[in-house]
Amino acid sequence: MNLINNLNKAVANFGVLYTKLHSYHWFVKGNQFYQLHELFEDLYDEVTEHFDAVAERILMLNERPLATLKDFLAVTTLKEATGNETAEEMLENLLVDLTQLNQELTETIKLAQEVEDEVTVDILLGITSSFQKHIWMVKATLNK
């Protein structure tokens, strides 16, 4: 089922993004340290909620969510952090990731609408709404 595959891709991406945001939280340096350190923590806390909500939705649909790092890395469409990014590179990468996730989740919303799965639509609309706000805020921080 395409919907389940897309939901599992979201689970994998949330797992990778969660790890990436921790890396950024730990390794950020520079004159924006405090603000970015807090931002990355807020985001990984939020991603944890999305990660759990989508995985549990897959279970409610009588399917199995991906649940291993190996599976996440095999399916993710995001790049892992290196641990050597500058603060600006972290923000640039975050913008790319959030934009990509927003696009992929929008496609998944369409699949859920096609099968009249309004609960999944509702969950994903909440996530994309939040990601769109973060995209705007990261762009403003980068003067884009």
N, C-alpha and C. Protein backbone atom coordinates (compact mmCIF):
# COMPACT_ATOMS: atom_id res chain seq x y z
N MET A 1 0.85 -1.19 0.00
CA MET A 1 0.00 0.00 0.00
C MET A 1 0.89 1.24 0.00
N ASN A 2 0.70 2.11 -0.97
CA ASN A 2 1.51 3.32 -1.09
C ASN A 2 1.44 4.20 0.15
N LEU A 3 0.26 4.29 0.74
CA LEU A 3 0.11 5.13 1.92
C LEU A 3 1.01 4.64 3.05
N ILE A 4 1.02 3.35 3.30
CA ILE A 4 1.86 2.81 4.37
C ILE A 4 3.34 3.02 4.05
N ASN A 5 3.72 2.81 2.80
CA ASN A 5 5.12 3.05 2.42
C ASN A 5 5.52 4.50 2.68
N ASN A 6 4.63 5.42 2.32
CA ASN A 6 4.93 6.83 2.55
C ASN A 6 4.96 7.18 4.04
N LEU A 7 4.06 6.57 4.80
CA LEU A 7 4.08 6.81 6.25
C LEU A 7 5.36 6.25 6.86
N ASN A 8 5.80 5.10 6.40
CA ASN A 8 7.05 4.54 6.91
C ASN A 8 8.25 5.38 6.49
N LYS A 9 8.19 5.97 5.31
CA LYS A 9 9.26 6.88 4.90
C LYS A 9 9.29 8.08 5.86
N ALA A 10 8.13 8.56 6.25
CA ALA A 10 8.07 9.66 7.22
C ALA A 10 8.66 9.23 8.56
N VAL A 11 8.34 8.02 9.01
CA VAL A 11 8.91 7.51 10.26
C VAL A 11 10.44 7.48 10.16
N ALA A 12 10.95 6.95 9.05
CA ALA A 12 12.40 6.89 8.86
C ALA A 12 13.01 8.30 8.86
N ASN A 13 12.36 9.21 8.16
CA ASN A 13 12.87 10.58 8.10
C ASN A 13 12.83 11.26 9.46
N PHE A 14 11.79 11.01 10.23
CA PHE A 14 11.73 11.59 11.58
C PHE A 14 12.84 11.01 12.45
N GLY A 15 13.13 9.73 12.31
CA GLY A 15 14.22 9.12 13.08
C GLY A 15 15.56 9.74 12.74
N VAL A 16 15.80 9.95 11.46
CA VAL A 16 17.06 10.56 11.03
C VAL A 16 17.11 12.03 11.44
N LEU A 17 16.01 12.75 11.27
CA LEU A 17 15.98 14.17 11.65
C LEU A 17 16.18 14.33 13.15
N TYR A 18 15.58 13.46 13.94
CA TYR A 18 15.74 13.49 15.39
C TYR A 18 17.22 13.39 15.77
N THR A 19 17.91 12.46 15.14
CA THR A 19 19.34 12.27 15.42
C THR A 19 20.15 13.47 14.93
N LYS A 20 19.81 13.97 13.75
CA LYS A 20 20.51 15.12 13.19
C LYS A 20 20.34 16.35 14.09
N LEU A 21 19.14 16.57 14.58
CA LEU A 21 18.89 17.72 15.45
C LEU A 21 19.65 17.61 16.76
N HIS A 22 19.81 16.39 17.28
CA HIS A 22 20.64 16.20 18.47
C HIS A 22 22.09 16.56 18.16
N SER A 23 22.59 16.12 17.03
CA SER A 23 23.95 16.45 16.63
C SER A 23 24.13 17.97 16.57
N TYR A 24 23.19 18.63 15.92
CA TYR A 24 23.26 20.09 15.82
C TYR A 24 23.20 20.73 17.20
N HIS A 25 22.33 20.25 18.05
CA HIS A 25 22.18 20.76 19.41
C HIS A 25 23.51 20.64 20.18
N TRP A 26 24.18 19.53 20.03
CA TRP A 26 25.43 19.29 20.76
C TRP A 26 26.61 20.07 20.19
N PHE A 27 26.66 20.20 18.87
CA PHE A 27 27.87 20.72 18.23
C PHE A 27 27.79 22.14 17.71
N VAL A 28 26.65 22.81 17.86
CA VAL A 28 26.54 24.18 17.37
C VAL A 28 27.51 25.09 18.13
N LYS A 29 28.11 26.02 17.40
CA LYS A 29 29.03 27.00 17.99
C LYS A 29 28.78 28.35 17.32
N GLY A 30 29.29 29.38 17.94
CA GLY A 30 29.21 30.70 17.33
C GLY A 30 28.36 31.66 18.12
N ASN A 31 28.20 32.86 17.54
CA ASN A 31 27.51 33.92 18.26
C ASN A 31 26.00 33.69 18.40
N GLN A 32 25.45 32.71 17.69
CA GLN A 32 24.04 32.37 17.84
C GLN A 32 23.87 31.09 18.65
N PHE A 33 24.92 30.68 19.37
CA PHE A 33 24.90 29.40 20.07
C PHE A 33 23.64 29.22 20.91
N TYR A 34 23.37 30.15 21.79
CA TYR A 34 22.27 29.95 22.73
C TYR A 34 20.94 29.76 22.01
N GLN A 35 20.63 30.65 21.06
CA GLN A 35 19.36 30.58 20.34
C GLN A 35 19.25 29.29 19.54
N LEU A 36 20.34 28.91 18.85
CA LEU A 36 20.29 27.70 18.03
C LEU A 36 20.26 26.44 18.88
N HIS A 37 21.00 26.45 19.98
CA HIS A 37 20.98 25.31 20.90
C HIS A 37 19.55 25.05 21.37
N GLU A 38 18.85 26.12 21.74
CA GLU A 38 17.46 26.01 22.18
C GLU A 38 16.54 25.60 21.02
N LEU A 39 16.74 26.18 19.86
CA LEU A 39 15.92 25.85 18.69
C LEU A 39 16.01 24.37 18.37
N PHE A 40 17.24 23.85 18.30
CA PHE A 40 17.41 22.45 17.94
C PHE A 40 16.78 21.53 18.99
N GLU A 41 16.85 21.91 20.25
CA GLU A 41 16.20 21.11 21.30
C GLU A 41 14.68 21.14 21.14
N ASP A 42 14.13 22.32 20.91
CA ASP A 42 12.68 22.42 20.71
C ASP A 42 12.24 21.57 19.52
N LEU A 43 13.03 21.61 18.45
CA LEU A 43 12.66 20.86 17.26
C LEU A 43 12.77 19.36 17.46
N TYR A 44 13.82 18.89 18.15
CA TYR A 44 13.87 17.43 18.33
C TYR A 44 12.79 16.95 19.28
N ASP A 45 12.38 17.80 20.22
CA ASP A 45 11.24 17.43 21.06
C ASP A 45 9.96 17.31 20.21
N GLU A 46 9.78 18.26 19.31
CA GLU A 46 8.60 18.23 18.44
C GLU A 46 8.64 17.03 17.50
N VAL A 47 9.81 16.78 16.91
CA VAL A 47 9.94 15.66 15.97
C VAL A 47 9.63 14.34 16.68
N THR A 48 9.99 14.23 17.95
CA THR A 48 9.67 13.02 18.72
C THR A 48 8.17 12.77 18.72
N GLU A 49 7.39 13.82 18.89
CA GLU A 49 5.93 13.68 18.89
C GLU A 49 5.41 13.24 17.52
N HIS A 50 5.95 13.83 16.46
CA HIS A 50 5.53 13.46 15.10
C HIS A 50 5.90 12.01 14.80
N PHE A 51 7.11 11.64 15.19
CA PHE A 51 7.65 10.30 15.00
C PHE A 51 6.69 9.28 15.62
N ASP A 52 6.31 9.52 16.85
CA ASP A 52 5.43 8.61 17.58
C ASP A 52 4.02 8.60 16.98
N ALA A 53 3.50 9.75 16.64
CA ALA A 53 2.14 9.84 16.10
C ALA A 53 2.00 9.07 14.79
N VAL A 54 2.99 9.21 13.91
CA VAL A 54 2.90 8.53 12.61
C VAL A 54 3.12 7.03 12.78
N ALA A 55 4.07 6.64 13.62
CA ALA A 55 4.29 5.21 13.86
C ALA A 55 3.05 4.56 14.46
N GLU A 56 2.43 5.23 15.42
CA GLU A 56 1.22 4.68 16.02
C GLU A 56 0.06 4.64 15.03
N ARG A 57 0.00 5.61 14.13
CA ARG A 57 -1.05 5.58 13.10
C ARG A 57 -0.88 4.36 12.20
N ILE A 58 0.36 4.04 11.85
CA ILE A 58 0.62 2.84 11.04
C ILE A 58 0.11 1.60 11.78
N LEU A 59 0.37 1.54 13.07
CA LEU A 59 -0.13 0.40 13.87
C LEU A 59 -1.65 0.36 13.88
N MET A 60 -2.29 1.52 13.97
CA MET A 60 -3.76 1.57 13.96
C MET A 60 -4.32 1.09 12.63
N LEU A 61 -3.52 1.19 11.58
CA LEU A 61 -3.93 0.72 10.25
C LEU A 61 -3.56 -0.75 10.04
N ASN A 62 -3.22 -1.42 11.15
CA ASN A 62 -2.86 -2.84 11.15
C ASN A 62 -1.63 -3.16 10.30
N GLU A 63 -0.69 -2.24 10.30
CA GLU A 63 0.59 -2.43 9.61
C GLU A 63 1.71 -2.23 10.63
N ARG A 64 2.95 -2.42 10.19
CA ARG A 64 4.09 -2.29 11.10
C ARG A 64 4.97 -1.11 10.70
N PRO A 65 5.22 -0.21 11.63
CA PRO A 65 6.15 0.89 11.33
C PRO A 65 7.59 0.40 11.35
N LEU A 66 8.42 1.06 10.59
CA LEU A 66 9.86 0.79 10.67
C LEU A 66 10.31 1.11 12.09
N ALA A 67 11.26 0.32 12.60
CA ALA A 67 11.63 0.51 14.00
C ALA A 67 13.10 0.26 14.28
N THR A 68 13.93 0.17 13.24
CA THR A 68 15.37 0.00 13.47
C THR A 68 16.14 1.08 12.73
N LEU A 69 17.29 1.41 13.25
CA LEU A 69 18.14 2.40 12.59
C LEU A 69 18.52 1.93 11.19
N LYS A 70 18.79 0.65 11.05
CA LYS A 70 19.13 0.09 9.74
C LYS A 70 18.00 0.35 8.74
N ASP A 71 16.77 0.09 9.17
CA ASP A 71 15.62 0.33 8.29
C ASP A 71 15.44 1.82 8.00
N PHE A 72 15.63 2.66 9.01
CA PHE A 72 15.51 4.11 8.79
C PHE A 72 16.49 4.56 7.72
N LEU A 73 17.75 4.13 7.84
CA LEU A 73 18.78 4.56 6.90
C LEU A 73 18.54 4.02 5.50
N ALA A 74 17.90 2.86 5.40
CA ALA A 74 17.61 2.28 4.09
C ALA A 74 16.49 3.04 3.37
N VAL A 75 15.61 3.68 4.13
CA VAL A 75 14.41 4.30 3.55
C VAL A 75 14.47 5.83 3.52
N THR A 76 15.23 6.43 4.41
CA THR A 76 15.21 7.89 4.55
C THR A 76 15.57 8.60 3.25
N THR A 77 15.01 9.78 3.09
CA THR A 77 15.38 10.65 1.98
C THR A 77 16.23 11.82 2.46
N LEU A 78 16.57 11.82 3.75
CA LEU A 78 17.39 12.88 4.33
C LEU A 78 18.84 12.42 4.45
N LYS A 79 19.74 13.39 4.51
CA LYS A 79 21.16 13.09 4.73
C LYS A 79 21.45 13.20 6.22
N GLU A 80 22.33 12.33 6.68
CA GLU A 80 22.74 12.40 8.08
C GLU A 80 23.65 13.61 8.31
N ALA A 81 23.69 14.07 9.54
CA ALA A 81 24.63 15.12 9.93
C ALA A 81 26.03 14.53 10.01
N THR A 82 27.02 15.38 9.77
CA THR A 82 28.41 14.93 9.88
C THR A 82 28.99 15.22 11.25
N GLY A 83 28.40 16.19 11.95
CA GLY A 83 28.95 16.62 13.23
C GLY A 83 29.98 17.72 13.08
N ASN A 84 30.23 18.12 11.83
CA ASN A 84 31.23 19.16 11.55
C ASN A 84 30.64 20.40 10.89
N GLU A 85 29.32 20.50 10.84
CA GLU A 85 28.68 21.62 10.18
C GLU A 85 28.86 22.92 10.98
N THR A 86 28.95 24.02 10.25
CA THR A 86 28.90 25.33 10.90
C THR A 86 27.45 25.62 11.27
N ALA A 87 27.24 26.62 12.08
CA ALA A 87 25.88 27.00 12.47
C ALA A 87 25.05 27.33 11.23
N GLU A 88 25.63 28.06 10.29
CA GLU A 88 24.89 28.41 9.08
C GLU A 88 24.58 27.17 8.24
N GLU A 89 25.52 26.26 8.14
CA GLU A 89 25.26 25.02 7.40
C GLU A 89 24.16 24.20 8.07
N MET A 90 24.14 24.22 9.38
CA MET A 90 23.08 23.52 10.11
C MET A 90 21.71 24.09 9.73
N LEU A 91 21.61 25.40 9.71
CA LEU A 91 20.34 26.04 9.35
C LEU A 91 19.98 25.78 7.90
N GLU A 92 20.97 25.85 7.01
CA GLU A 92 20.72 25.57 5.58
C GLU A 92 20.22 24.13 5.41
N ASN A 93 20.88 23.19 6.07
CA ASN A 93 20.47 21.79 5.99
C ASN A 93 19.08 21.58 6.58
N LEU A 94 18.81 22.24 7.69
CA LEU A 94 17.49 22.14 8.31
C LEU A 94 16.41 22.66 7.37
N LEU A 95 16.69 23.76 6.70
CA LEU A 95 15.73 24.31 5.74
C LEU A 95 15.46 23.31 4.62
N VAL A 96 16.51 22.70 4.09
CA VAL A 96 16.35 21.69 3.04
C VAL A 96 15.50 20.53 3.56
N ASP A 97 15.82 20.05 4.75
CA ASP A 97 15.10 18.90 5.32
C ASP A 97 13.63 19.22 5.57
N LEU A 98 13.35 20.35 6.18
CA LEU A 98 11.96 20.70 6.48
C LEU A 98 11.15 20.91 5.20
N THR A 99 11.77 21.52 4.20
CA THR A 99 11.10 21.73 2.92
C THR A 99 10.80 20.40 2.25
N GLN A 100 11.78 19.51 2.25
CA GLN A 100 11.59 18.19 1.65
C GLN A 100 10.52 17.40 2.39
N LEU A 101 10.58 17.40 3.71
CA LEU A 101 9.58 16.68 4.50
C LEU A 101 8.19 17.25 4.26
N ASN A 102 8.08 18.56 4.19
CA ASN A 102 6.79 19.19 3.93
C ASN A 102 6.23 18.73 2.58
N GLN A 103 7.08 18.68 1.56
CA GLN A 103 6.63 18.22 0.23
C GLN A 103 6.21 16.76 0.27
N GLU A 104 7.03 15.92 0.90
CA GLU A 104 6.71 14.49 0.96
C GLU A 104 5.43 14.23 1.76
N LEU A 105 5.26 14.94 2.86
CA LEU A 105 4.05 14.77 3.67
C LEU A 105 2.81 15.27 2.93
N THR A 106 2.97 16.31 2.14
CA THR A 106 1.86 16.81 1.33
C THR A 106 1.42 15.75 0.32
N GLU A 107 2.39 15.05 -0.27
CA GLU A 107 2.06 13.94 -1.18
C GLU A 107 1.34 12.82 -0.42
N THR A 108 1.79 12.55 0.79
CA THR A 108 1.17 11.50 1.60
C THR A 108 -0.25 11.89 2.00
N ILE A 109 -0.48 13.16 2.26
CA ILE A 109 -1.83 13.64 2.55
C ILE A 109 -2.76 13.32 1.37
N LYS A 110 -2.28 13.55 0.15
CA LYS A 110 -3.09 13.26 -1.04
C LYS A 110 -3.43 11.77 -1.12
N LEU A 111 -2.45 10.92 -0.81
CA LEU A 111 -2.71 9.47 -0.81
C LEU A 111 -3.76 9.11 0.24
N ALA A 112 -3.65 9.72 1.41
CA ALA A 112 -4.62 9.44 2.48
C ALA A 112 -6.02 9.93 2.08
N GLN A 113 -6.08 11.06 1.39
CA GLN A 113 -7.38 11.57 0.93
C GLN A 113 -8.00 10.63 -0.10
N GLU A 114 -7.15 10.05 -0.96
CA GLU A 114 -7.65 9.12 -1.99
C GLU A 114 -8.32 7.90 -1.38
N VAL A 115 -7.82 7.45 -0.23
CA VAL A 115 -8.41 6.26 0.42
C VAL A 115 -9.36 6.67 1.56
N GLU A 116 -9.67 7.96 1.61
CA GLU A 116 -10.61 8.52 2.59
C GLU A 116 -10.20 8.24 4.03
N ASP A 117 -8.91 8.36 4.29
CA ASP A 117 -8.36 8.18 5.64
C ASP A 117 -8.18 9.56 6.26
N GLU A 118 -9.27 10.10 6.78
CA GLU A 118 -9.27 11.47 7.30
C GLU A 118 -8.45 11.62 8.58
N VAL A 119 -8.30 10.56 9.35
CA VAL A 119 -7.49 10.65 10.57
C VAL A 119 -6.02 10.88 10.20
N THR A 120 -5.53 10.11 9.22
CA THR A 120 -4.15 10.31 8.77
C THR A 120 -3.98 11.69 8.17
N VAL A 121 -4.96 12.13 7.40
CA VAL A 121 -4.92 13.49 6.83
C VAL A 121 -4.78 14.51 7.95
N ASP A 122 -5.58 14.38 8.98
CA ASP A 122 -5.55 15.32 10.10
C ASP A 122 -4.18 15.33 10.79
N ILE A 123 -3.64 14.17 11.05
CA ILE A 123 -2.32 14.08 11.70
C ILE A 123 -1.27 14.78 10.85
N LEU A 124 -1.27 14.47 9.55
CA LEU A 124 -0.24 15.03 8.66
C LEU A 124 -0.42 16.52 8.41
N LEU A 125 -1.66 16.99 8.39
CA LEU A 125 -1.89 18.44 8.25
C LEU A 125 -1.31 19.20 9.44
N GLY A 126 -1.46 18.65 10.63
CA GLY A 126 -0.87 19.28 11.80
C GLY A 126 0.64 19.37 11.71
N ILE A 127 1.25 18.30 11.21
CA ILE A 127 2.71 18.28 11.08
C ILE A 127 3.17 19.27 10.02
N THR A 128 2.51 19.26 8.85
CA THR A 128 2.94 20.18 7.78
C THR A 128 2.71 21.63 8.18
N SER A 129 1.65 21.90 8.91
CA SER A 129 1.42 23.26 9.38
C SER A 129 2.58 23.73 10.26
N SER A 130 3.01 22.88 11.15
CA SER A 130 4.13 23.22 12.02
C SER A 130 5.42 23.38 11.22
N PHE A 131 5.66 22.46 10.28
CA PHE A 131 6.88 22.54 9.48
C PHE A 131 6.90 23.81 8.63
N GLN A 132 5.75 24.22 8.11
CA GLN A 132 5.71 25.45 7.32
C GLN A 132 6.09 26.66 8.16
N LYS A 133 5.67 26.67 9.41
CA LYS A 133 6.06 27.77 10.30
C LYS A 133 7.57 27.74 10.54
N HIS A 134 8.12 26.55 10.77
CA HIS A 134 9.57 26.44 10.99
C HIS A 134 10.36 26.83 9.74
N ILE A 135 9.84 26.48 8.57
CA ILE A 135 10.50 26.87 7.31
C ILE A 135 10.57 28.39 7.24
N TRP A 136 9.48 29.05 7.52
CA TRP A 136 9.44 30.52 7.50
C TRP A 136 10.45 31.10 8.49
N MET A 137 10.51 30.53 9.69
CA MET A 137 11.40 31.06 10.72
C MET A 137 12.88 30.83 10.37
N VAL A 138 13.19 29.66 9.82
CA VAL A 138 14.58 29.39 9.43
C VAL A 138 14.98 30.30 8.27
N LYS A 139 14.08 30.48 7.31
CA LYS A 139 14.37 31.40 6.20
C LYS A 139 14.64 32.81 6.73
N ALA A 140 13.84 33.27 7.67
CA ALA A 140 14.04 34.61 8.23
C ALA A 140 15.39 34.69 8.95
N THR A 141 15.76 33.64 9.64
CA THR A 141 17.05 33.62 10.34
C THR A 141 18.20 33.69 9.34
N LEU A 142 18.03 33.03 8.19
CA LEU A 142 19.07 33.02 7.15
C LEU A 142 18.97 34.22 6.20
N ASN A 143 18.02 35.14 6.46
CA ASN A 143 17.79 36.30 5.59
C ASN A 143 17.43 35.88 4.17
N LYS A 144 16.58 34.87 4.05
CA LYS A 144 16.14 34.41 2.72
C LYS A 144 14.71 34.79 2.47
